[in-house]
Amino acid sequence: MNWNQLLSAKRFGQEDRLVIHEHEIRSQFQRDYDRLIFSSPFRRLQNKTQVFPLPGSIFVHNRLTHSLEVSSVGRSLGNLLTEKLANSKQYQNNPYLDSIGNIVATACLAHDLGNPPFGHSGEEALSYYFTNGEGKELVNKFTTEQWADLCNFEGNANAFRLLTHAFNGRRKGGFALTYSSIAAVIKYPWEAYKIPEVGKRKYGFFNTEKENYQIVAKELGIPEITPGIFARHPLVYLVEAADDICYQIMDIEDAHKLKILTAEETKQLLLNFYNEDDDISTLRRIKETCEEVSDTNEQIAYIRAGVIGKLIKECVGVFLNNEEAIMAGEFSSTLIKEVPGTSKHAYKTCTQIAVSKIYSHRSVLEIELAGYKILGTLLQEFVEAILNPTNFYSKKLLSLIPEQYNHKGENDYLKVMSILDFVSGMTDVFALDLYRTIKGIKLPDTY
């Protein structure tokens, strides 16, 4: 792969339109970013659980605040990489090199766009209906590839669908983003039925968007390593690193605010990223600042900001050290896993604490269990209705689906995908209200 081809301002679905560069207030890649910021799917992230239940008196991260922070870190990663690459003569004539930060920031905004409500259990809940619920009886209605999609619902693949699919009444090309911004989102460039072959649980596009990804890959020169399995766009590694940095570090900070971790535990977890022999001046500055600032939350925020800055520099260093393998599609690790020893050990410790104390906390488990029941029920009701649309109850139920989700598809697979579009796009609150209404637990609000 080469940067001259990988960085493209051509827009998906709008290929026949000329790219205008003169007198632009915003670059094409800034337009991508703004297009996402002002979109409905992005706004709905504010009411989707990240890890902890949506806030009461204490505000913790939701999907929207997480995505904004990942985007901020992603821009810094991209800008630093641009600075390093610009020193090489072979990249000096690339017109889009200085746009890497914007491309990464845009992809970071979109990285969770396809995630269903209720946190990490949402994907499992949607898959469970087909693997172990009543939906497993439908297996003979679908091809092997289609059934793999349904049994392994994946937020990453759903994000690509949201970005590129022409929903009913919408324009060709979905969001019509630039090819580079789209490609930088796809962390797992293969289909669900390839999961056993690659040995990973995740994948990057549904069978419905397979051709879309092939178009993007061909345009950008992304090679197909083996049939159906592509190399990653190099900027995916920066998007992934931004996500890795934010969710782990910010989950630690949220855990402190919720009193799952003490202030001293939290500070020590963050200070572990510094080596007492190599980071003497940094540790001295942290000590002086914490003596000056008495607010514990501000102390932790200051230390956390320094850790994120340190990880940004180290992740870009890993990228540059492995640039040849990355550009050849041969780098199989992640940037965060290859950072230097002190940071690697500290990050691993944060992960262990997150698993043992944070993700197993009662509040997290309760929201996941509730989401499991709510999403499973909604999916069962609407899938049964879409496959048996002529009875009275089905007609009433299907009338609740917005026009953009064309549930009158050409085959059962497309019909069921329209239901997944509808359910996965719900916010936590909307899903809960609809569940209560359908189950007769509450009557609709009157106006």
Protein backbone atom coordinates (compact mmCIF):
# COMPACT_ATOMS: atom_id res chain seq x y z
CA MET A 1 0.00 0.00 0.00
CA ASN A 2 1.11 3.58 -0.53
CA TRP A 3 -0.05 6.87 0.99
CA ASN A 4 -0.67 8.52 -2.37
CA GLN A 5 -3.45 6.04 -3.07
CA LEU A 6 -4.57 5.46 0.52
CA LEU A 7 -5.44 9.14 1.02
CA SER A 8 -8.33 9.94 -1.28
CA ALA A 9 -10.96 12.71 -1.23
CA LYS A 10 -13.28 10.80 -3.57
CA ARG A 11 -16.71 10.34 -1.99
CA PHE A 12 -18.45 6.99 -1.78
CA GLY A 13 -21.59 6.95 -3.91
CA GLN A 14 -20.73 10.36 -5.37
CA GLU A 15 -17.84 9.27 -7.58
CA ASP A 16 -19.10 11.20 -10.59
CA ARG A 17 -18.80 14.52 -8.78
CA LEU A 18 -15.61 16.53 -9.03
CA VAL A 19 -13.61 17.19 -5.88
CA ILE A 20 -13.27 20.97 -5.55
CA HIS A 21 -10.20 22.23 -3.71
CA GLU A 22 -10.05 25.95 -4.48
CA HIS A 23 -11.21 28.48 -1.90
CA GLU A 24 -12.49 25.83 0.49
CA ILE A 25 -13.42 26.92 3.99
CA ARG A 26 -13.33 23.28 5.03
CA SER A 27 -11.33 20.46 3.52
CA GLN A 28 -13.16 17.40 2.21
CA PHE A 29 -12.13 15.49 5.32
CA GLN A 30 -13.35 18.24 7.65
CA ARG A 31 -16.67 17.97 5.83
CA ASP A 32 -16.74 14.27 6.72
CA TYR A 33 -16.22 15.13 10.38
CA ASP A 34 -18.92 17.80 10.39
CA ARG A 35 -21.35 15.53 8.54
CA LEU A 36 -21.11 12.99 11.34
CA ILE A 37 -21.33 15.56 14.14
CA PHE A 38 -24.64 16.87 12.78
CA SER A 39 -26.16 13.44 12.07
CA SER A 40 -29.00 11.75 13.95
CA PRO A 41 -27.17 8.42 14.50
CA PHE A 42 -24.32 10.31 16.15
CA ARG A 43 -26.63 12.35 18.38
CA ARG A 44 -28.37 9.17 19.53
CA LEU A 45 -25.10 7.99 21.04
CA GLN A 46 -25.72 10.38 23.93
CA ASN A 47 -28.41 8.00 25.14
CA LYS A 48 -26.53 4.75 24.70
CA THR A 49 -24.65 3.09 27.52
CA GLN A 50 -20.86 2.93 27.29
CA VAL A 51 -20.08 0.82 30.38
CA PHE A 52 -21.95 2.23 33.36
CA PRO A 53 -25.71 2.94 33.39
CA LEU A 54 -26.67 6.36 32.07
CA PRO A 55 -26.01 8.96 34.76
CA GLY A 56 -28.10 10.03 37.66
CA SER A 57 -26.35 12.48 39.95
CA ILE A 58 -22.88 11.46 38.71
CA PHE A 59 -22.12 11.93 35.03
CA VAL A 60 -20.09 9.11 33.53
CA HIS A 61 -19.29 8.39 29.90
CA ASN A 62 -21.92 7.47 27.38
CA ARG A 63 -21.24 6.43 23.78
CA LEU A 64 -21.27 10.04 22.60
CA THR A 65 -18.79 11.46 25.11
CA HIS A 66 -16.58 8.41 24.58
CA SER A 67 -16.62 8.91 20.80
CA LEU A 68 -15.76 12.60 21.13
CA GLU A 69 -12.81 11.81 23.39
CA VAL A 70 -11.59 9.04 21.09
CA SER A 71 -11.81 11.49 18.20
CA SER A 72 -9.74 14.04 20.11
CA VAL A 73 -7.04 11.49 20.84
CA GLY A 74 -7.24 10.17 17.28
CA ARG A 75 -6.63 13.63 15.84
CA SER A 76 -3.51 13.98 18.01
CA LEU A 77 -2.27 10.56 16.87
CA GLY A 78 -2.87 11.50 13.22
CA ASN A 79 -1.25 14.92 13.50
CA LEU A 80 1.82 13.46 15.16
CA LEU A 81 2.11 10.79 12.46
CA THR A 82 1.79 13.49 9.79
CA GLU A 83 4.62 15.43 11.42
CA LYS A 84 6.86 12.37 11.37
CA LEU A 85 5.98 11.33 7.80
CA ALA A 86 6.43 14.87 6.48
CA ASN A 87 10.13 14.63 7.26
CA SER A 88 10.48 11.96 4.58
CA LYS A 89 11.05 13.21 1.03
CA GLN A 90 8.85 10.49 -0.47
CA TYR A 91 5.74 12.00 1.17
CA GLN A 92 6.40 15.72 0.69
CA ASN A 93 4.31 16.03 -2.48
CA ASN A 94 1.24 14.26 -1.09
CA PRO A 95 -1.63 16.81 -1.09
CA TYR A 96 -3.56 15.01 1.65
CA LEU A 97 -0.77 14.14 4.08
CA ASP A 98 -1.70 16.98 6.43
CA SER A 99 -5.29 15.66 6.52
CA ILE A 100 -4.42 12.43 8.32
CA GLY A 101 -5.45 13.95 11.66
CA ASN A 102 -8.88 14.87 10.31
CA ILE A 103 -9.35 11.47 8.69
CA VAL A 104 -8.52 9.64 11.92
CA ALA A 105 -10.70 12.01 13.98
CA THR A 106 -13.64 11.35 11.63
CA ALA A 107 -13.19 7.58 11.75
CA CYS A 108 -13.03 7.77 15.55
CA LEU A 109 -16.34 9.62 15.64
CA ALA A 110 -17.89 6.83 13.59
CA HIS A 111 -16.26 3.83 15.27
CA ASP A 112 -19.18 3.15 17.68
CA LEU A 113 -21.94 4.44 15.42
CA GLY A 114 -23.32 0.95 14.82
CA ASN A 115 -23.34 -0.22 18.43
CA PRO A 116 -26.77 -1.17 19.82
CA PRO A 117 -28.10 0.16 23.15
CA PHE A 118 -27.18 -1.20 26.59
CA GLY A 119 -23.42 -1.42 26.33
CA HIS A 120 -21.37 -4.45 25.48
CA SER A 121 -24.21 -6.92 26.03
CA GLY A 122 -26.27 -5.39 23.23
CA GLU A 123 -24.47 -7.27 20.47
CA GLU A 124 -24.72 -10.51 22.43
CA ALA A 125 -28.44 -10.02 22.98
CA LEU A 126 -29.15 -9.54 19.27
CA SER A 127 -27.03 -12.57 18.36
CA TYR A 128 -28.55 -14.78 21.05
CA TYR A 129 -32.01 -14.72 19.48
CA PHE A 130 -30.61 -16.51 16.42
CA THR A 131 -28.11 -18.79 18.16
CA ASN A 132 -30.14 -19.95 21.16
CA GLY A 133 -33.50 -18.22 21.08
CA GLU A 134 -36.58 -18.86 19.00
CA GLY A 135 -34.81 -17.43 15.97
CA LYS A 136 -32.57 -20.49 15.68
CA GLU A 137 -35.47 -22.27 13.96
CA LEU A 138 -35.07 -19.85 11.02
CA VAL A 139 -31.68 -21.20 9.96
CA ASN A 140 -33.02 -22.84 6.76
CA LYS A 141 -34.28 -19.50 5.45
CA PHE A 142 -30.76 -18.09 5.00
CA THR A 143 -27.48 -18.83 3.24
CA THR A 144 -24.38 -19.72 5.27
CA GLU A 145 -23.03 -16.19 4.86
CA GLN A 146 -26.32 -14.55 5.84
CA TRP A 147 -26.80 -16.78 8.87
CA ALA A 148 -23.28 -15.95 10.08
CA ASP A 149 -24.23 -12.25 10.04
CA LEU A 150 -27.35 -12.85 12.11
CA CYS A 151 -25.68 -15.13 14.64
CA ASN A 152 -22.78 -12.73 15.18
CA PHE A 153 -24.25 -9.23 15.21
CA GLU A 154 -21.30 -6.85 15.12
CA GLY A 155 -21.30 -3.13 15.87
CA ASN A 156 -18.28 -2.58 13.61
CA ALA A 157 -20.06 -4.07 10.62
CA ASN A 158 -23.19 -2.12 11.49
CA ALA A 159 -21.20 1.13 11.52
CA PHE A 160 -20.00 0.43 7.97
CA ARG A 161 -23.61 -0.29 6.96
CA LEU A 162 -24.79 3.00 8.46
CA LEU A 163 -22.05 4.90 6.65
CA THR A 164 -22.51 3.38 3.17
CA HIS A 165 -26.02 1.91 2.89
CA ALA A 166 -28.66 3.86 1.01
CA PHE A 167 -31.55 3.60 3.46
CA ASN A 168 -35.07 4.16 2.16
CA GLY A 169 -35.50 7.75 1.03
CA ARG A 170 -31.81 8.56 1.52
CA ARG A 171 -29.20 9.38 -1.10
CA LYS A 172 -26.86 6.93 -2.76
CA GLY A 173 -23.72 6.25 -0.78
CA GLY A 174 -25.23 6.70 2.69
CA PHE A 175 -23.24 9.44 4.40
CA ALA A 176 -21.22 9.84 1.18
CA LEU A 177 -17.98 10.15 3.13
CA THR A 178 -14.56 10.10 1.51
CA TYR A 179 -13.13 6.68 0.78
CA SER A 180 -10.28 7.22 3.24
CA SER A 181 -12.55 8.16 6.16
CA ILE A 182 -14.69 5.07 5.53
CA ALA A 183 -11.74 2.69 5.25
CA ALA A 184 -10.18 3.99 8.47
CA VAL A 185 -13.24 2.75 10.40
CA ILE A 186 -12.98 -0.91 9.30
CA LYS A 187 -10.91 -2.67 11.95
CA TYR A 188 -11.84 -6.18 10.80
CA PRO A 189 -11.98 -6.23 6.96
CA TRP A 190 -13.74 -9.53 6.40
CA GLU A 191 -17.24 -11.05 6.63
CA ALA A 192 -18.77 -12.94 9.56
CA TYR A 193 -18.45 -16.35 7.94
CA LYS A 194 -14.68 -15.82 7.83
CA ILE A 195 -14.50 -15.69 11.65
CA PRO A 196 -13.27 -19.32 12.03
CA GLU A 197 -10.60 -18.70 9.39
CA VAL A 198 -9.15 -15.54 10.95
CA GLY A 199 -9.57 -16.75 14.52
CA LYS A 200 -11.27 -13.57 15.76
CA ARG A 201 -14.83 -13.02 16.95
CA LYS A 202 -15.27 -9.70 15.16
CA TYR A 203 -15.74 -8.71 11.54
CA GLY A 204 -16.11 -5.53 9.53
CA PHE A 205 -19.01 -5.75 7.09
CA PHE A 206 -22.26 -7.64 6.57
CA ASN A 207 -22.98 -9.63 3.44
CA THR A 208 -25.19 -6.73 2.33
CA GLU A 209 -22.17 -4.37 2.24
CA LYS A 210 -19.59 -6.80 0.89
CA GLU A 211 -19.51 -5.15 -2.52
CA ASN A 212 -19.29 -1.72 -0.93
CA TYR A 213 -16.13 -2.67 0.91
CA GLN A 214 -14.61 -4.24 -2.20
CA ILE A 215 -15.16 -0.93 -4.03
CA VAL A 216 -13.43 1.01 -1.25
CA ALA A 217 -10.53 -1.44 -1.04
CA LYS A 218 -9.94 -1.39 -4.81
CA GLU A 219 -9.98 2.41 -4.96
CA LEU A 220 -7.46 2.77 -2.12
CA GLY A 221 -5.22 -0.13 -3.13
CA ILE A 222 -5.95 -2.21 -0.03
CA PRO A 223 -4.85 -5.76 -0.87
CA GLU A 224 -6.89 -8.91 -0.42
CA ILE A 225 -4.51 -11.11 1.58
CA THR A 226 -6.52 -14.30 1.10
CA PRO A 227 -9.95 -14.65 -0.56
CA GLY A 228 -12.42 -12.50 1.38
CA ILE A 229 -9.84 -11.26 3.90
CA PHE A 230 -8.29 -7.84 3.33
CA ALA A 231 -5.42 -5.95 4.88
CA ARG A 232 -6.32 -3.04 7.14
CA HIS A 233 -6.06 0.54 5.98
CA PRO A 234 -2.99 1.77 7.95
CA LEU A 235 -4.95 4.54 9.68
CA VAL A 236 -7.16 1.88 11.29
CA TYR A 237 -4.29 1.23 13.69
CA LEU A 238 -4.47 4.83 14.93
CA VAL A 239 -8.26 4.69 15.32
CA GLU A 240 -7.91 1.46 17.26
CA ALA A 241 -5.16 2.94 19.45
CA ALA A 242 -7.29 6.01 20.24
CA ASP A 243 -10.15 3.73 21.31
CA ASP A 244 -7.85 1.50 23.36
CA ILE A 245 -6.34 4.49 25.15
CA CYS A 246 -9.66 6.16 25.93
CA TYR A 247 -11.87 3.34 27.04
CA GLN A 248 -9.30 1.86 29.40
CA ILE A 249 -8.06 5.08 30.95
CA MET A 250 -11.46 6.80 31.11
CA ASP A 251 -13.14 3.71 32.59
CA ILE A 252 -10.64 3.95 35.44
CA GLU A 253 -11.55 7.61 35.98
CA ASP A 254 -15.29 6.84 35.88
CA ALA A 255 -14.78 4.04 38.40
CA HIS A 256 -13.24 6.55 40.79
CA LYS A 257 -16.17 8.95 40.40
CA LEU A 258 -18.54 6.10 41.22
CA LYS A 259 -16.40 5.11 44.22
CA ILE A 260 -15.60 1.70 42.80
CA LEU A 261 -11.92 2.66 43.08
CA THR A 262 -10.42 4.88 45.76
CA ALA A 263 -8.52 8.03 44.87
CA GLU A 264 -5.21 6.43 45.84
CA GLU A 265 -5.92 3.30 43.80
CA THR A 266 -6.80 5.43 40.77
CA LYS A 267 -3.75 7.66 41.07
CA GLN A 268 -1.43 4.69 41.43
CA LEU A 269 -2.89 2.95 38.39
CA LEU A 270 -2.13 6.07 36.35
CA LEU A 271 1.28 6.76 37.91
CA ASN A 272 2.28 3.20 36.97
CA PHE A 273 2.73 4.47 33.40
CA TYR A 274 5.81 6.41 34.53
CA ASN A 275 9.21 4.97 35.30
CA GLU A 276 10.72 6.44 38.46
CA ASP A 277 14.19 6.38 36.91
CA ASP A 278 13.34 7.72 33.42
CA ASP A 279 10.45 10.12 34.13
CA ILE A 280 11.87 12.01 37.11
CA SER A 281 10.97 15.50 35.85
CA THR A 282 7.46 14.43 34.87
CA LEU A 283 6.79 12.83 38.24
CA ARG A 284 8.14 15.93 39.99
CA ARG A 285 5.76 18.12 37.97
CA ILE A 286 2.83 15.85 38.83
CA LYS A 287 3.71 16.05 42.52
CA GLU A 288 3.94 19.84 42.43
CA THR A 289 0.63 20.17 40.59
CA CYS A 290 -1.15 17.86 43.02
CA GLU A 291 0.18 19.93 45.91
CA GLU A 292 -1.13 23.07 44.26
CA VAL A 293 -4.53 21.60 43.27
CA SER A 294 -6.53 20.27 46.21
CA ASP A 295 -9.51 18.89 44.25
CA THR A 296 -9.01 15.13 43.95
CA ASN A 297 -10.93 14.85 40.69
CA GLU A 298 -8.73 17.56 39.15
CA GLN A 299 -5.59 15.82 40.37
CA ILE A 300 -6.69 12.58 38.71
CA ALA A 301 -7.71 14.42 35.53
CA TYR A 302 -4.27 16.05 35.35
CA ILE A 303 -2.44 12.76 35.76
CA ARG A 304 -4.77 11.08 33.27
CA ALA A 305 -4.14 13.76 30.64
CA GLY A 306 -0.40 13.20 30.96
CA VAL A 307 -0.80 9.44 30.58
CA ILE A 308 -2.87 9.88 27.41
CA GLY A 309 -0.23 12.21 25.96
CA LYS A 310 2.49 9.69 26.76
CA LEU A 311 0.56 6.84 25.12
CA ILE A 312 -0.09 8.94 22.00
CA LYS A 313 3.65 9.46 21.48
CA GLU A 314 4.44 5.82 22.17
CA CYS A 315 1.73 4.46 19.85
CA VAL A 316 2.94 6.64 16.97
CA GLY A 317 6.46 5.40 17.72
CA VAL A 318 5.22 1.81 17.42
CA PHE A 319 3.52 2.68 14.11
CA LEU A 320 6.72 4.15 12.67
CA ASN A 321 8.83 1.23 13.88
CA ASN A 322 6.45 -1.17 12.12
CA GLU A 323 5.52 1.01 9.14
CA GLU A 324 6.91 -1.40 6.58
CA ALA A 325 4.89 -4.33 7.96
CA ILE A 326 1.77 -2.16 8.32
CA MET A 327 1.99 -0.93 4.73
CA ALA A 328 2.48 -4.51 3.56
CA GLY A 329 -0.60 -5.68 5.49
CA GLU A 330 1.56 -7.95 7.65
CA PHE A 331 1.34 -6.28 11.08
CA SER A 332 -0.92 -8.52 13.19
CA SER A 333 -0.73 -6.83 16.60
CA THR A 334 -2.16 -3.55 17.90
CA LEU A 335 -0.19 -0.40 18.66
CA ILE A 336 -1.15 -0.39 22.35
CA LYS A 337 0.14 -3.93 22.81
CA GLU A 338 3.57 -2.96 21.51
CA VAL A 339 4.22 0.18 23.57
CA PRO A 340 7.41 0.16 25.74
CA GLY A 341 7.68 -1.92 28.89
CA THR A 342 6.51 0.49 31.61
CA SER A 343 3.40 1.55 29.71
CA LYS A 344 2.68 -1.99 28.55
CA HIS A 345 2.77 -3.31 32.11
CA ALA A 346 0.67 -0.39 33.44
CA TYR A 347 -1.93 -0.81 30.70
CA LYS A 348 -2.15 -4.53 31.41
CA THR A 349 -2.70 -3.77 35.10
CA CYS A 350 -5.52 -1.33 34.21
CA THR A 351 -7.12 -4.04 32.08
CA GLN A 352 -6.96 -6.55 34.92
CA ILE A 353 -8.54 -4.08 37.35
CA ALA A 354 -11.24 -3.21 34.81
CA VAL A 355 -12.19 -6.87 34.42
CA SER A 356 -12.09 -7.72 38.13
CA LYS A 357 -13.60 -4.57 39.64
CA ILE A 358 -15.28 -2.43 36.97
CA TYR A 359 -16.94 -4.62 34.34
CA SER A 360 -18.15 -7.02 37.03
CA HIS A 361 -19.62 -4.24 39.20
CA ARG A 362 -23.27 -4.76 40.10
CA SER A 363 -24.47 -1.63 38.25
CA VAL A 364 -22.76 -2.78 35.05
CA LEU A 365 -24.17 -6.29 35.29
CA GLU A 366 -27.68 -5.01 35.99
CA ILE A 367 -27.81 -2.75 32.94
CA GLU A 368 -26.43 -5.54 30.76
CA LEU A 369 -28.99 -8.05 32.04
CA ALA A 370 -31.83 -5.58 31.56
CA GLY A 371 -30.62 -4.78 28.05
CA TYR A 372 -30.36 -8.46 27.24
CA LYS A 373 -34.02 -8.99 28.09
CA ILE A 374 -35.26 -5.81 26.40
CA LEU A 375 -33.40 -6.24 23.11
CA GLY A 376 -34.10 -9.96 22.93
CA THR A 377 -37.82 -9.36 23.34
CA LEU A 378 -37.97 -6.52 20.81
CA LEU A 379 -36.07 -8.55 18.24
CA GLN A 380 -38.32 -11.56 18.71
CA GLU A 381 -41.49 -9.50 18.35
CA PHE A 382 -40.41 -7.61 15.25
CA VAL A 383 -38.74 -10.53 13.44
CA GLU A 384 -41.84 -12.65 13.88
CA ALA A 385 -43.92 -9.76 12.58
CA ILE A 386 -41.72 -9.15 9.53
CA LEU A 387 -41.83 -12.83 8.54
CA ASN A 388 -45.60 -13.08 9.15
CA PRO A 389 -46.76 -9.59 8.15
CA THR A 390 -50.40 -10.25 7.30
CA ASN A 391 -51.99 -10.78 10.72
CA PHE A 392 -53.48 -7.91 12.72
CA TYR A 393 -50.79 -7.74 15.42
CA SER A 394 -47.93 -7.85 12.90
CA LYS A 395 -49.42 -5.02 10.84
CA LYS A 396 -49.75 -2.82 13.91
CA LEU A 397 -46.24 -3.65 15.08
CA LEU A 398 -44.63 -3.02 11.69
CA SER A 399 -46.36 0.34 11.42
CA LEU A 400 -44.09 1.50 14.26
CA ILE A 401 -40.98 1.12 12.10
CA PRO A 402 -39.78 4.40 10.49
CA GLU A 403 -39.91 4.65 6.70
CA GLN A 404 -36.13 4.76 6.36
CA TYR A 405 -35.95 1.08 7.35
CA ASN A 406 -37.45 -0.64 4.33
CA HIS A 407 -38.95 -3.75 5.92
CA LYS A 408 -40.52 -4.82 2.62
CA GLY A 409 -37.28 -6.31 1.37
CA GLU A 410 -36.78 -8.63 -1.56
CA ASN A 411 -36.03 -11.63 0.65
CA ASP A 412 -36.16 -12.72 4.29
CA TYR A 413 -32.52 -11.75 4.92
CA LEU A 414 -33.08 -8.13 3.86
CA LYS A 415 -36.29 -8.01 5.87
CA VAL A 416 -34.56 -9.21 9.02
CA MET A 417 -31.66 -6.82 8.42
CA SER A 418 -34.16 -3.96 8.39
CA ILE A 419 -35.34 -5.05 11.84
CA LEU A 420 -31.75 -5.14 13.08
CA ASP A 421 -31.28 -1.64 11.65
CA PHE A 422 -34.29 -0.45 13.64
CA VAL A 423 -33.51 -2.16 16.94
CA SER A 424 -29.76 -1.50 16.97
CA GLY A 425 -30.35 2.17 16.25
CA MET A 426 -32.52 2.66 19.33
CA THR A 427 -31.37 4.55 22.40
CA ASP A 428 -31.52 2.86 25.78
CA VAL A 429 -34.57 4.92 26.82
CA PHE A 430 -36.47 4.39 23.56
CA ALA A 431 -35.86 0.64 23.68
CA LEU A 432 -37.06 0.47 27.29
CA ASP A 433 -40.20 2.50 26.56
CA LEU A 434 -41.08 0.43 23.50
CA TYR A 435 -40.49 -2.80 25.43
CA ARG A 436 -42.82 -1.66 28.21
CA THR A 437 -45.48 -0.62 25.70
CA ILE A 438 -45.37 -3.87 23.71
CA LYS A 439 -45.45 -5.99 26.86
CA GLY A 440 -48.40 -3.98 28.20
CA ILE A 441 -46.42 -2.75 31.22
CA LYS A 442 -47.30 0.87 30.47
CA LEU A 443 -49.66 2.77 28.24
CA PRO A 444 -48.29 5.23 25.67
CA ASP A 445 -47.90 8.82 26.82
CA THR A 446 -50.82 11.06 25.94
CA TYR A 447 -50.41 14.44 24.33
